[in-house]
mmCIF file of all heavy atoms, coordinates in Angstrom:
data_MODEL
# 
_entry.id   MODEL 
# 
loop_
_atom_site.group_PDB 
_atom_site.id 
_atom_site.type_symbol 
_atom_site.label_atom_id 
_atom_site.label_alt_id 
_atom_site.label_comp_id 
_atom_site.label_asym_id 
_atom_site.label_entity_id 
_atom_site.label_seq_id 
_atom_site.pdbx_PDB_ins_code 
_atom_site.Cartn_x 
_atom_site.Cartn_y 
_atom_site.Cartn_z 
_atom_site.occupancy 
_atom_site.B_iso_or_equiv 
_atom_site.pdbx_formal_charge 
_atom_site.auth_seq_id 
_atom_site.auth_comp_id 
_atom_site.auth_asym_id 
_atom_site.auth_atom_id 
_atom_site.pdbx_PDB_model_num 
ATOM 1   N N   . ARG A 1 1  ? 100.226 103.739 96.218  1.00 0.00 ? 1  ARG A N   1 
ATOM 2   C CA  . ARG A 1 1  ? 99.894  104.250 94.879  1.00 0.00 ? 1  ARG A CA  1 
ATOM 3   C C   . ARG A 1 1  ? 100.869 103.758 93.818  1.00 0.00 ? 1  ARG A C   1 
ATOM 4   O O   . ARG A 1 1  ? 101.997 103.388 94.082  1.00 0.00 ? 1  ARG A O   1 
ATOM 5   C CB  . ARG A 1 1  ? 99.979  105.804 94.872  1.00 0.00 ? 1  ARG A CB  1 
ATOM 6   C CG  . ARG A 1 1  ? 98.926  106.420 95.780  1.00 0.00 ? 1  ARG A CG  1 
ATOM 7   C CD  . ARG A 1 1  ? 97.558  106.033 95.333  1.00 0.00 ? 1  ARG A CD  1 
ATOM 8   N NE  . ARG A 1 1  ? 96.612  106.707 96.151  1.00 0.00 ? 1  ARG A NE  1 
ATOM 9   C CZ  . ARG A 1 1  ? 95.337  106.792 95.852  1.00 0.00 ? 1  ARG A CZ  1 
ATOM 10  N NH1 . ARG A 1 1  ? 94.837  106.248 94.702  1.00 0.00 ? 1  ARG A NH1 1 
ATOM 11  N NH2 . ARG A 1 1  ? 94.515  107.302 96.650  1.00 0.00 ? 1  ARG A NH2 1 
ATOM 12  N N   . ARG A 1 2  ? 100.387 103.745 92.556  1.00 0.00 ? 2  ARG A N   1 
ATOM 13  C CA  . ARG A 1 2  ? 101.236 103.275 91.440  1.00 0.00 ? 2  ARG A CA  1 
ATOM 14  C C   . ARG A 1 2  ? 101.556 104.366 90.448  1.00 0.00 ? 2  ARG A C   1 
ATOM 15  O O   . ARG A 1 2  ? 102.340 104.229 89.540  1.00 0.00 ? 2  ARG A O   1 
ATOM 16  C CB  . ARG A 1 2  ? 100.496 102.167 90.668  1.00 0.00 ? 2  ARG A CB  1 
ATOM 17  C CG  . ARG A 1 2  ? 100.347 100.918 91.492  1.00 0.00 ? 2  ARG A CG  1 
ATOM 18  C CD  . ARG A 1 2  ? 99.621  99.814  90.651  1.00 0.00 ? 2  ARG A CD  1 
ATOM 19  N NE  . ARG A 1 2  ? 99.382  98.701  91.516  1.00 0.00 ? 2  ARG A NE  1 
ATOM 20  C CZ  . ARG A 1 2  ? 99.937  97.576  91.332  1.00 0.00 ? 2  ARG A CZ  1 
ATOM 21  N NH1 . ARG A 1 2  ? 100.836 97.350  90.366  1.00 0.00 ? 2  ARG A NH1 1 
ATOM 22  N NH2 . ARG A 1 2  ? 99.664  96.563  92.141  1.00 0.00 ? 2  ARG A NH2 1 
ATOM 23  N N   . ASN A 1 3  ? 100.869 105.490 90.611  1.00 0.00 ? 3  ASN A N   1 
ATOM 24  C CA  . ASN A 1 3  ? 101.092 106.604 89.678  1.00 0.00 ? 3  ASN A CA  1 
ATOM 25  C C   . ASN A 1 3  ? 102.288 107.419 90.249  1.00 0.00 ? 3  ASN A C   1 
ATOM 26  O O   . ASN A 1 3  ? 102.401 107.810 91.399  1.00 0.00 ? 3  ASN A O   1 
ATOM 27  C CB  . ASN A 1 3  ? 99.851  107.571 89.732  1.00 0.00 ? 3  ASN A CB  1 
ATOM 28  C CG  . ASN A 1 3  ? 99.871  108.641 88.643  1.00 0.00 ? 3  ASN A CG  1 
ATOM 29  O OD1 . ASN A 1 3  ? 100.955 109.067 88.212  1.00 0.00 ? 3  ASN A OD1 1 
ATOM 30  N ND2 . ASN A 1 3  ? 98.715  109.128 88.229  1.00 0.00 ? 3  ASN A ND2 1 
ATOM 31  N N   . VAL A 1 4  ? 103.224 107.731 89.321  1.00 0.00 ? 4  VAL A N   1 
ATOM 32  C CA  . VAL A 1 4  ? 104.468 108.372 89.688  1.00 0.00 ? 4  VAL A CA  1 
ATOM 33  C C   . VAL A 1 4  ? 104.177 109.781 90.238  1.00 0.00 ? 4  VAL A C   1 
ATOM 34  O O   . VAL A 1 4  ? 104.875 110.219 91.173  1.00 0.00 ? 4  VAL A O   1 
ATOM 35  C CB  . VAL A 1 4  ? 105.486 108.414 88.450  1.00 0.00 ? 4  VAL A CB  1 
ATOM 36  C CG1 . VAL A 1 4  ? 106.708 109.216 88.772  1.00 0.00 ? 4  VAL A CG1 1 
ATOM 37  C CG2 . VAL A 1 4  ? 105.803 107.070 88.015  1.00 0.00 ? 4  VAL A CG2 1 
ATOM 38  N N   . LEU A 1 5  ? 103.255 110.470 89.680  1.00 0.00 ? 5  LEU A N   1 
ATOM 39  C CA  . LEU A 1 5  ? 102.928 111.835 90.120  1.00 0.00 ? 5  LEU A CA  1 
ATOM 40  C C   . LEU A 1 5  ? 102.386 111.878 91.524  1.00 0.00 ? 5  LEU A C   1 
ATOM 41  O O   . LEU A 1 5  ? 102.799 112.684 92.298  1.00 0.00 ? 5  LEU A O   1 
ATOM 42  C CB  . LEU A 1 5  ? 101.928 112.464 89.152  1.00 0.00 ? 5  LEU A CB  1 
ATOM 43  C CG  . LEU A 1 5  ? 101.681 113.960 89.325  1.00 0.00 ? 5  LEU A CG  1 
ATOM 44  C CD1 . LEU A 1 5  ? 103.076 114.748 89.125  1.00 0.00 ? 5  LEU A CD1 1 
ATOM 45  C CD2 . LEU A 1 5  ? 100.698 114.482 88.299  1.00 0.00 ? 5  LEU A CD2 1 
ATOM 46  N N   . VAL A 1 6  ? 101.506 110.865 91.842  1.00 0.00 ? 6  VAL A N   1 
ATOM 47  C CA  . VAL A 1 6  ? 100.924 110.822 93.223  1.00 0.00 ? 6  VAL A CA  1 
ATOM 48  C C   . VAL A 1 6  ? 102.029 110.403 94.216  1.00 0.00 ? 6  VAL A C   1 
ATOM 49  O O   . VAL A 1 6  ? 102.084 110.989 95.287  1.00 0.00 ? 6  VAL A O   1 
ATOM 50  C CB  . VAL A 1 6  ? 99.739  109.863 93.209  1.00 0.00 ? 6  VAL A CB  1 
ATOM 51  C CG1 . VAL A 1 6  ? 99.273  109.624 94.657  1.00 0.00 ? 6  VAL A CG1 1 
ATOM 52  C CG2 . VAL A 1 6  ? 98.646  110.330 92.343  1.00 0.00 ? 6  VAL A CG2 1 
ATOM 53  N N   . ILE A 1 7  ? 102.923 109.524 93.782  1.00 0.00 ? 7  ILE A N   1 
ATOM 54  C CA  . ILE A 1 7  ? 104.080 109.113 94.650  1.00 0.00 ? 7  ILE A CA  1 
ATOM 55  C C   . ILE A 1 7  ? 104.939 110.350 94.862  1.00 0.00 ? 7  ILE A C   1 
ATOM 56  O O   . ILE A 1 7  ? 105.426 110.595 96.042  1.00 0.00 ? 7  ILE A O   1 
ATOM 57  C CB  . ILE A 1 7  ? 104.874 107.973 94.093  1.00 0.00 ? 7  ILE A CB  1 
ATOM 58  C CG1 . ILE A 1 7  ? 104.049 106.671 94.032  1.00 0.00 ? 7  ILE A CG1 1 
ATOM 59  C CG2 . ILE A 1 7  ? 106.162 107.767 94.762  1.00 0.00 ? 7  ILE A CG2 1 
ATOM 60  C CD1 . ILE A 1 7  ? 104.686 105.531 93.292  1.00 0.00 ? 7  ILE A CD1 1 
ATOM 61  N N   . TYR A 1 8  ? 105.195 111.096 93.903  1.00 0.00 ? 8  TYR A N   1 
ATOM 62  C CA  . TYR A 1 8  ? 105.988 112.297 94.023  1.00 0.00 ? 8  TYR A CA  1 
ATOM 63  C C   . TYR A 1 8  ? 105.384 113.311 94.921  1.00 0.00 ? 8  TYR A C   1 
ATOM 64  O O   . TYR A 1 8  ? 106.062 113.924 95.801  1.00 0.00 ? 8  TYR A O   1 
ATOM 65  C CB  . TYR A 1 8  ? 106.244 112.929 92.655  1.00 0.00 ? 8  TYR A CB  1 
ATOM 66  C CG  . TYR A 1 8  ? 107.173 114.029 92.566  1.00 0.00 ? 8  TYR A CG  1 
ATOM 67  C CD1 . TYR A 1 8  ? 108.568 113.764 92.811  1.00 0.00 ? 8  TYR A CD1 1 
ATOM 68  C CD2 . TYR A 1 8  ? 106.837 115.327 92.270  1.00 0.00 ? 8  TYR A CD2 1 
ATOM 69  C CE1 . TYR A 1 8  ? 109.484 114.789 92.774  1.00 0.00 ? 8  TYR A CE1 1 
ATOM 70  C CE2 . TYR A 1 8  ? 107.734 116.338 92.204  1.00 0.00 ? 8  TYR A CE2 1 
ATOM 71  C CZ  . TYR A 1 8  ? 109.077 116.029 92.490  1.00 0.00 ? 8  TYR A CZ  1 
ATOM 72  O OH  . TYR A 1 8  ? 109.978 117.041 92.476  1.00 0.00 ? 8  TYR A OH  1 
ATOM 73  N N   . MET A 1 9  ? 104.075 113.510 94.845  1.00 0.00 ? 9  MET A N   1 
ATOM 74  C CA  . MET A 1 9  ? 103.396 114.410 95.768  1.00 0.00 ? 9  MET A CA  1 
ATOM 75  C C   . MET A 1 9  ? 103.422 113.894 97.188  1.00 0.00 ? 9  MET A C   1 
ATOM 76  O O   . MET A 1 9  ? 103.544 114.597 98.135  1.00 0.00 ? 9  MET A O   1 
ATOM 77  C CB  . MET A 1 9  ? 101.908 114.650 95.360  1.00 0.00 ? 9  MET A CB  1 
ATOM 78  C CG  . MET A 1 9  ? 101.785 115.482 94.124  1.00 0.00 ? 9  MET A CG  1 
ATOM 79  S SD  . MET A 1 9  ? 100.110 115.989 93.738  1.00 0.00 ? 9  MET A SD  1 
ATOM 80  C CE  . MET A 1 9  ? 99.360  114.423 93.477  1.00 0.00 ? 9  MET A CE  1 
ATOM 81  N N   . SER A 1 10 ? 103.294 112.566 97.399  1.00 0.00 ? 10 SER A N   1 
ATOM 82  C CA  . SER A 1 10 ? 103.418 111.925 98.705  1.00 0.00 ? 10 SER A CA  1 
ATOM 83  C C   . SER A 1 10 ? 104.826 112.167 99.279  1.00 0.00 ? 10 SER A C   1 
ATOM 84  O O   . SER A 1 10 ? 104.944 112.492 100.471 1.00 0.00 ? 10 SER A O   1 
ATOM 85  C CB  . SER A 1 10 ? 103.114 110.472 98.598  1.00 0.00 ? 10 SER A CB  1 
ATOM 86  O OG  . SER A 1 10 ? 101.782 110.321 98.223  1.00 0.00 ? 10 SER A OG  1 
ATOM 87  N N   . LEU A 1 11 ? 105.858 112.057 98.473  1.00 0.00 ? 11 LEU A N   1 
ATOM 88  C CA  . LEU A 1 11 ? 107.233 112.368 98.939  1.00 0.00 ? 11 LEU A CA  1 
ATOM 89  C C   . LEU A 1 11 ? 107.378 113.832 99.445  1.00 0.00 ? 11 LEU A C   1 
ATOM 90  O O   . LEU A 1 11 ? 108.044 114.084 100.446 1.00 0.00 ? 11 LEU A O   1 
ATOM 91  C CB  . LEU A 1 11 ? 108.193 112.004 97.871  1.00 0.00 ? 11 LEU A CB  1 
ATOM 92  C CG  . LEU A 1 11 ? 108.484 110.572 97.651  1.00 0.00 ? 11 LEU A CG  1 
ATOM 93  C CD1 . LEU A 1 11 ? 109.324 110.382 96.356  1.00 0.00 ? 11 LEU A CD1 1 
ATOM 94  C CD2 . LEU A 1 11 ? 109.158 109.908 98.862  1.00 0.00 ? 11 LEU A CD2 1 
ATOM 95  N N   . GLU A 1 12 ? 106.776 114.722 98.669  1.00 0.00 ? 12 GLU A N   1 
ATOM 96  C CA  . GLU A 1 12 ? 106.858 116.143 99.098  1.00 0.00 ? 12 GLU A CA  1 
ATOM 97  C C   . GLU A 1 12 ? 106.071 116.355 100.339 1.00 0.00 ? 12 GLU A C   1 
ATOM 98  O O   . GLU A 1 12 ? 106.521 117.167 101.181 1.00 0.00 ? 12 GLU A O   1 
ATOM 99  C CB  . GLU A 1 12 ? 106.270 117.008 97.934  1.00 0.00 ? 12 GLU A CB  1 
ATOM 100 C CG  . GLU A 1 12 ? 107.164 117.077 96.690  1.00 0.00 ? 12 GLU A CG  1 
ATOM 101 C CD  . GLU A 1 12 ? 108.434 117.720 96.949  1.00 0.00 ? 12 GLU A CD  1 
ATOM 102 O OE1 . GLU A 1 12 ? 108.543 118.684 97.701  1.00 0.00 ? 12 GLU A OE1 1 
ATOM 103 O OE2 . GLU A 1 12 ? 109.392 117.248 96.313  1.00 0.00 ? 12 GLU A OE2 1 
ATOM 104 N N   . LEU A 1 13 ? 105.006 115.634 100.552 1.00 0.00 ? 13 LEU A N   1 
ATOM 105 C CA  . LEU A 1 13 ? 104.262 115.718 101.819 1.00 0.00 ? 13 LEU A CA  1 
ATOM 106 C C   . LEU A 1 13 ? 105.066 115.264 102.980 1.00 0.00 ? 13 LEU A C   1 
ATOM 107 O O   . LEU A 1 13 ? 105.125 115.901 104.074 1.00 0.00 ? 13 LEU A O   1 
ATOM 108 C CB  . LEU A 1 13 ? 102.954 115.002 101.710 1.00 0.00 ? 13 LEU A CB  1 
ATOM 109 C CG  . LEU A 1 13 ? 101.983 115.066 102.821 1.00 0.00 ? 13 LEU A CG  1 
ATOM 110 C CD1 . LEU A 1 13 ? 101.420 116.490 102.916 1.00 0.00 ? 13 LEU A CD1 1 
ATOM 111 C CD2 . LEU A 1 13 ? 100.767 114.119 102.600 1.00 0.00 ? 13 LEU A CD2 1 
ATOM 112 N N   . MET A 1 14 ? 105.871 114.201 102.773 1.00 0.00 ? 14 MET A N   1 
ATOM 113 C CA  . MET A 1 14 ? 106.717 113.684 103.798 1.00 0.00 ? 14 MET A CA  1 
ATOM 114 C C   . MET A 1 14 ? 107.801 114.682 104.145 1.00 0.00 ? 14 MET A C   1 
ATOM 115 O O   . MET A 1 14 ? 108.174 114.929 105.334 1.00 0.00 ? 14 MET A O   1 
ATOM 116 C CB  . MET A 1 14 ? 107.361 112.327 103.380 1.00 0.00 ? 14 MET A CB  1 
ATOM 117 C CG  . MET A 1 14 ? 106.320 111.283 103.294 1.00 0.00 ? 14 MET A CG  1 
ATOM 118 S SD  . MET A 1 14 ? 106.962 109.731 102.496 1.00 0.00 ? 14 MET A SD  1 
ATOM 119 C CE  . MET A 1 14 ? 108.252 109.327 103.545 1.00 0.00 ? 14 MET A CE  1 
ATOM 120 N N   . LEU A 1 15 ? 108.381 115.335 103.101 1.00 0.00 ? 15 LEU A N   1 
ATOM 121 C CA  . LEU A 1 15 ? 109.333 116.361 103.287 1.00 0.00 ? 15 LEU A CA  1 
ATOM 122 C C   . LEU A 1 15 ? 108.824 117.551 104.074 1.00 0.00 ? 15 LEU A C   1 
ATOM 123 O O   . LEU A 1 15 ? 109.505 118.039 104.978 1.00 0.00 ? 15 LEU A O   1 
ATOM 124 C CB  . LEU A 1 15 ? 109.938 116.813 101.928 1.00 0.00 ? 15 LEU A CB  1 
ATOM 125 C CG  . LEU A 1 15 ? 111.111 117.755 101.928 1.00 0.00 ? 15 LEU A CG  1 
ATOM 126 C CD1 . LEU A 1 15 ? 112.311 117.086 102.568 1.00 0.00 ? 15 LEU A CD1 1 
ATOM 127 C CD2 . LEU A 1 15 ? 111.401 118.225 100.509 1.00 0.00 ? 15 LEU A CD2 1 
ATOM 128 N N   . ASN A 1 16 ? 107.684 117.950 103.768 1.00 0.00 ? 16 ASN A N   1 
ATOM 129 C CA  . ASN A 1 16 ? 107.037 119.057 104.501 1.00 0.00 ? 16 ASN A CA  1 
ATOM 130 C C   . ASN A 1 16 ? 106.704 118.721 105.899 1.00 0.00 ? 16 ASN A C   1 
ATOM 131 O O   . ASN A 1 16 ? 106.761 119.600 106.856 1.00 0.00 ? 16 ASN A O   1 
ATOM 132 C CB  . ASN A 1 16 ? 105.797 119.561 103.767 1.00 0.00 ? 16 ASN A CB  1 
ATOM 133 C CG  . ASN A 1 16 ? 106.202 120.325 102.532 1.00 0.00 ? 16 ASN A CG  1 
ATOM 134 O OD1 . ASN A 1 16 ? 107.110 121.026 102.522 1.00 0.00 ? 16 ASN A OD1 1 
ATOM 135 N ND2 . ASN A 1 16 ? 105.316 120.259 101.457 1.00 0.00 ? 16 ASN A ND2 1 
ATOM 136 N N   . ALA A 1 17 ? 106.328 117.452 106.215 1.00 0.00 ? 17 ALA A N   1 
ATOM 137 C CA  . ALA A 1 17 ? 106.134 116.984 107.560 1.00 0.00 ? 17 ALA A CA  1 
ATOM 138 C C   . ALA A 1 17 ? 107.418 117.163 108.390 1.00 0.00 ? 17 ALA A C   1 
ATOM 139 O O   . ALA A 1 17 ? 107.450 117.541 109.545 1.00 0.00 ? 17 ALA A O   1 
ATOM 140 C CB  . ALA A 1 17 ? 105.659 115.581 107.586 1.00 0.00 ? 17 ALA A CB  1 
ATOM 141 N N   . ALA A 1 18 ? 108.528 116.781 107.749 1.00 0.00 ? 18 ALA A N   1 
ATOM 142 C CA  . ALA A 1 18 ? 109.822 116.850 108.460 1.00 0.00 ? 18 ALA A CA  1 
ATOM 143 C C   . ALA A 1 18 ? 110.170 118.373 108.700 1.00 0.00 ? 18 ALA A C   1 
ATOM 144 O O   . ALA A 1 18 ? 110.745 118.698 109.697 1.00 0.00 ? 18 ALA A O   1 
ATOM 145 C CB  . ALA A 1 18 ? 110.888 116.151 107.607 1.00 0.00 ? 18 ALA A CB  1 
ATOM 146 N N   . ASN A 1 19 ? 109.885 119.189 107.747 1.00 0.00 ? 19 ASN A N   1 
ATOM 147 C CA  . ASN A 1 19 ? 110.134 120.596 107.859 1.00 0.00 ? 19 ASN A CA  1 
ATOM 148 C C   . ASN A 1 19 ? 109.250 121.202 109.032 1.00 0.00 ? 19 ASN A C   1 
ATOM 149 O O   . ASN A 1 19 ? 109.800 121.997 109.823 1.00 0.00 ? 19 ASN A O   1 
ATOM 150 C CB  . ASN A 1 19 ? 109.761 121.376 106.566 1.00 0.00 ? 19 ASN A CB  1 
ATOM 151 C CG  . ASN A 1 19 ? 110.862 121.152 105.558 1.00 0.00 ? 19 ASN A CG  1 
ATOM 152 O OD1 . ASN A 1 19 ? 111.942 120.757 105.809 1.00 0.00 ? 19 ASN A OD1 1 
ATOM 153 N ND2 . ASN A 1 19 ? 110.452 121.477 104.288 1.00 0.00 ? 19 ASN A ND2 1 
ATOM 154 N N   . LEU A 1 20 ? 108.054 120.691 109.121 1.00 0.00 ? 20 LEU A N   1 
ATOM 155 C CA  . LEU A 1 20 ? 107.226 121.205 110.244 1.00 0.00 ? 20 LEU A CA  1 
ATOM 156 C C   . LEU A 1 20 ? 107.805 120.756 111.551 1.00 0.00 ? 20 LEU A C   1 
ATOM 157 O O   . LEU A 1 20 ? 107.779 121.596 112.507 1.00 0.00 ? 20 LEU A O   1 
ATOM 158 C CB  . LEU A 1 20 ? 105.770 120.595 110.065 1.00 0.00 ? 20 LEU A CB  1 
ATOM 159 C CG  . LEU A 1 20 ? 104.802 120.906 111.195 1.00 0.00 ? 20 LEU A CG  1 
ATOM 160 C CD1 . LEU A 1 20 ? 104.561 122.490 111.263 1.00 0.00 ? 20 LEU A CD1 1 
ATOM 161 C CD2 . LEU A 1 20 ? 103.474 120.183 110.962 1.00 0.00 ? 20 LEU A CD2 1 
ATOM 162 N N   . ALA A 1 21 ? 108.268 119.572 111.670 1.00 0.00 ? 21 ALA A N   1 
ATOM 163 C CA  . ALA A 1 21 ? 108.887 119.167 112.958 1.00 0.00 ? 21 ALA A CA  1 
ATOM 164 C C   . ALA A 1 21 ? 110.107 119.927 113.255 1.00 0.00 ? 21 ALA A C   1 
ATOM 165 O O   . ALA A 1 21 ? 110.344 120.305 114.445 1.00 0.00 ? 21 ALA A O   1 
ATOM 166 C CB  . ALA A 1 21 ? 109.218 117.607 112.813 1.00 0.00 ? 21 ALA A CB  1 
ATOM 167 N N   . LEU A 1 22 ? 110.981 120.152 112.250 1.00 0.00 ? 22 LEU A N   1 
ATOM 168 C CA  . LEU A 1 22 ? 112.162 121.016 112.443 1.00 0.00 ? 22 LEU A CA  1 
ATOM 169 C C   . LEU A 1 22 ? 111.837 122.440 112.924 1.00 0.00 ? 22 LEU A C   1 
ATOM 170 O O   . LEU A 1 22 ? 112.421 122.908 113.906 1.00 0.00 ? 22 LEU A O   1 
ATOM 171 C CB  . LEU A 1 22 ? 113.020 121.130 111.219 1.00 0.00 ? 22 LEU A CB  1 
ATOM 172 C CG  . LEU A 1 22 ? 113.811 119.824 110.840 1.00 0.00 ? 22 LEU A CG  1 
ATOM 173 C CD1 . LEU A 1 22 ? 114.430 119.966 109.540 1.00 0.00 ? 22 LEU A CD1 1 
ATOM 174 C CD2 . LEU A 1 22 ? 114.904 119.641 111.951 1.00 0.00 ? 22 LEU A CD2 1 
ATOM 175 N N   . VAL A 1 23 ? 110.865 122.979 112.362 1.00 0.00 ? 23 VAL A N   1 
ATOM 176 C CA  . VAL A 1 23 ? 110.476 124.376 112.732 1.00 0.00 ? 23 VAL A CA  1 
ATOM 177 C C   . VAL A 1 23 ? 109.838 124.358 114.164 1.00 0.00 ? 23 VAL A C   1 
ATOM 178 O O   . VAL A 1 23 ? 110.149 125.314 114.947 1.00 0.00 ? 23 VAL A O   1 
ATOM 179 C CB  . VAL A 1 23 ? 109.482 124.975 111.741 1.00 0.00 ? 23 VAL A CB  1 
ATOM 180 C CG1 . VAL A 1 23 ? 108.864 126.273 112.241 1.00 0.00 ? 23 VAL A CG1 1 
ATOM 181 C CG2 . VAL A 1 23 ? 110.127 125.210 110.386 1.00 0.00 ? 23 VAL A CG2 1 
ATOM 182 N N   . ALA A 1 24 ? 109.074 123.371 114.436 1.00 0.00 ? 24 ALA A N   1 
ATOM 183 C CA  . ALA A 1 24 ? 108.515 123.273 115.763 1.00 0.00 ? 24 ALA A CA  1 
ATOM 184 C C   . ALA A 1 24 ? 109.636 123.090 116.852 1.00 0.00 ? 24 ALA A C   1 
ATOM 185 O O   . ALA A 1 24 ? 109.488 123.765 117.880 1.00 0.00 ? 24 ALA A O   1 
ATOM 186 C CB  . ALA A 1 24 ? 107.491 122.088 115.877 1.00 0.00 ? 24 ALA A CB  1 
ATOM 187 N N   . PHE A 1 25 ? 110.544 122.170 116.657 1.00 0.00 ? 25 PHE A N   1 
ATOM 188 C CA  . PHE A 1 25 ? 111.588 122.078 117.628 1.00 0.00 ? 25 PHE A CA  1 
ATOM 189 C C   . PHE A 1 25 ? 112.416 123.340 117.707 1.00 0.00 ? 25 PHE A C   1 
ATOM 190 O O   . PHE A 1 25 ? 112.846 123.750 118.798 1.00 0.00 ? 25 PHE A O   1 
ATOM 191 C CB  . PHE A 1 25 ? 112.524 120.912 117.145 1.00 0.00 ? 25 PHE A CB  1 
ATOM 192 C CG  . PHE A 1 25 ? 112.048 119.542 117.576 1.00 0.00 ? 25 PHE A CG  1 
ATOM 193 C CD1 . PHE A 1 25 ? 111.830 118.584 116.612 1.00 0.00 ? 25 PHE A CD1 1 
ATOM 194 C CD2 . PHE A 1 25 ? 111.668 119.219 118.843 1.00 0.00 ? 25 PHE A CD2 1 
ATOM 195 C CE1 . PHE A 1 25 ? 111.427 117.309 116.956 1.00 0.00 ? 25 PHE A CE1 1 
ATOM 196 C CE2 . PHE A 1 25 ? 111.218 118.002 119.253 1.00 0.00 ? 25 PHE A CE2 1 
ATOM 197 C CZ  . PHE A 1 25 ? 111.104 117.042 118.263 1.00 0.00 ? 25 PHE A CZ  1 
ATOM 198 N N   . SER A 1 26 ? 112.669 124.005 116.528 1.00 0.00 ? 26 SER A N   1 
ATOM 199 C CA  . SER A 1 26 ? 113.376 125.237 116.570 1.00 0.00 ? 26 SER A CA  1 
ATOM 200 C C   . SER A 1 26 ? 112.694 126.274 117.375 1.00 0.00 ? 26 SER A C   1 
ATOM 201 O O   . SER A 1 26 ? 113.349 127.048 118.167 1.00 0.00 ? 26 SER A O   1 
ATOM 202 C CB  . SER A 1 26 ? 113.678 125.714 115.112 1.00 0.00 ? 26 SER A CB  1 
ATOM 203 O OG  . SER A 1 26 ? 114.252 126.911 115.115 1.00 0.00 ? 26 SER A OG  1 
ATOM 204 N N   . ARG A 1 27 ? 111.421 126.412 117.227 1.00 0.00 ? 27 ARG A N   1 
ATOM 205 C CA  . ARG A 1 27 ? 110.648 127.429 117.907 1.00 0.00 ? 27 ARG A CA  1 
ATOM 206 C C   . ARG A 1 27 ? 110.555 127.201 119.438 1.00 0.00 ? 27 ARG A C   1 
ATOM 207 O O   . ARG A 1 27 ? 110.802 128.092 120.198 1.00 0.00 ? 27 ARG A O   1 
ATOM 208 C CB  . ARG A 1 27 ? 109.138 127.441 117.368 1.00 0.00 ? 27 ARG A CB  1 
ATOM 209 C CG  . ARG A 1 27 ? 108.207 128.277 118.136 1.00 0.00 ? 27 ARG A CG  1 
ATOM 210 C CD  . ARG A 1 27 ? 108.456 129.749 117.921 1.00 0.00 ? 27 ARG A CD  1 
ATOM 211 N NE  . ARG A 1 27 ? 107.401 130.565 118.533 1.00 0.00 ? 27 ARG A NE  1 
ATOM 212 C CZ  . ARG A 1 27 ? 107.472 131.030 119.798 1.00 0.00 ? 27 ARG A CZ  1 
ATOM 213 N NH1 . ARG A 1 27 ? 108.502 130.902 120.494 1.00 0.00 ? 27 ARG A NH1 1 
ATOM 214 N NH2 . ARG A 1 27 ? 106.457 131.747 120.278 1.00 0.00 ? 27 ARG A NH2 1 
# 
């Protein structure tokens, strides 16, 4: 993507994916 807002949302999606992995390992 070239739109800054879409890139920003994609970065947040990546951060939430990492959070999901951390919670799964923790559980």
